Protein backbone atom coordinates (compact mmCIF):
# COMPACT_ATOMS: atom_id res chain seq x y z
CA MET A 1 0.00 0.00 0.00
CA SER A 2 1.68 3.19 -1.14
CA GLY A 3 -0.03 5.31 1.52
CA ASN A 4 1.89 3.57 4.31
CA GLU A 5 5.14 5.32 3.50
CA THR A 6 3.55 8.75 3.79
CA LYS A 7 2.05 7.82 7.18
CA GLU A 8 5.37 6.66 8.63
CA ARG A 9 7.16 9.23 10.73
CA TYR A 10 10.37 10.64 9.41
CA GLN A 11 13.47 9.37 11.16
CA THR A 12 16.85 10.83 12.00
CA TRP A 13 20.17 9.11 11.41
CA MET A 14 23.42 9.98 13.21
CA CYS A 15 26.98 9.54 11.98
CA LEU A 16 28.80 7.35 14.49
CA ILE A 17 32.10 9.04 13.61
CA CYS A 18 31.33 12.75 14.02
CA GLY A 19 27.74 12.99 15.30
CA PHE A 20 26.29 14.65 12.16
CA ILE A 21 22.49 14.18 12.01
CA TYR A 22 20.61 13.38 8.81
CA ASP A 23 16.92 14.27 9.18
CA GLU A 24 14.68 12.62 6.57
CA ALA A 25 12.10 15.42 6.87
CA ALA A 26 14.67 18.13 6.10
CA GLY A 27 16.82 16.18 3.65
CA LEU A 28 20.06 17.82 2.52
CA PRO A 29 19.27 20.02 -0.47
CA ASP A 30 22.95 21.04 -0.77
CA GLU A 31 23.74 17.33 -1.23
CA GLN A 32 20.91 16.82 -3.78
CA LEU A 33 18.73 15.06 -1.17
CA ALA A 34 15.31 16.72 -1.26
CA PRO A 35 13.27 17.20 1.92
CA GLY A 36 11.40 13.97 2.63
CA THR A 37 14.16 11.71 1.25
CA ARG A 38 14.02 8.49 3.26
CA TRP A 39 17.29 6.99 4.48
CA ALA A 40 16.64 3.90 2.33
CA ASP A 41 16.64 6.20 -0.73
CA VAL A 42 19.98 7.86 0.10
CA PRO A 43 22.54 6.41 -2.36
CA MET A 44 24.98 3.83 -0.94
CA ASN A 45 27.94 5.89 -2.19
CA TRP A 46 26.76 8.99 -0.27
CA ALA A 47 29.20 10.22 2.39
CA CYS A 48 28.74 12.32 5.52
CA PRO A 49 29.21 15.99 4.56
CA GLU A 50 31.08 16.64 7.82
CA CYS A 51 33.63 13.80 7.99
CA GLY A 52 33.25 11.71 4.83
CA ALA A 53 32.00 8.59 6.66
CA ARG A 54 30.01 6.12 4.59
CA LYS A 55 26.28 5.46 4.95
CA ASP A 56 27.10 2.26 6.87
CA ASP A 57 28.56 4.42 9.66
CA PHE A 58 25.13 5.89 10.53
CA ASP A 59 22.56 4.60 13.03
CA MET A 60 18.94 5.62 13.45
CA VAL A 61 18.40 7.80 16.51
CA ALA A 62 15.25 9.19 18.08
CA LEU A 63 15.37 12.94 18.64
């Protein structure tokens, strides 16, 4: 059901190396990630804009 994704709350993901927070609701327009971009849709080759860590170095955190 396509409506489920829109009902799910946006999550935040934190870089385990430097503490940078990726907020799905805000996205990162400067990194070509539009507001509302889910973590699953962030490309695997994307890197933390603060320290260059890979996507695998992020964990979901509740803020």
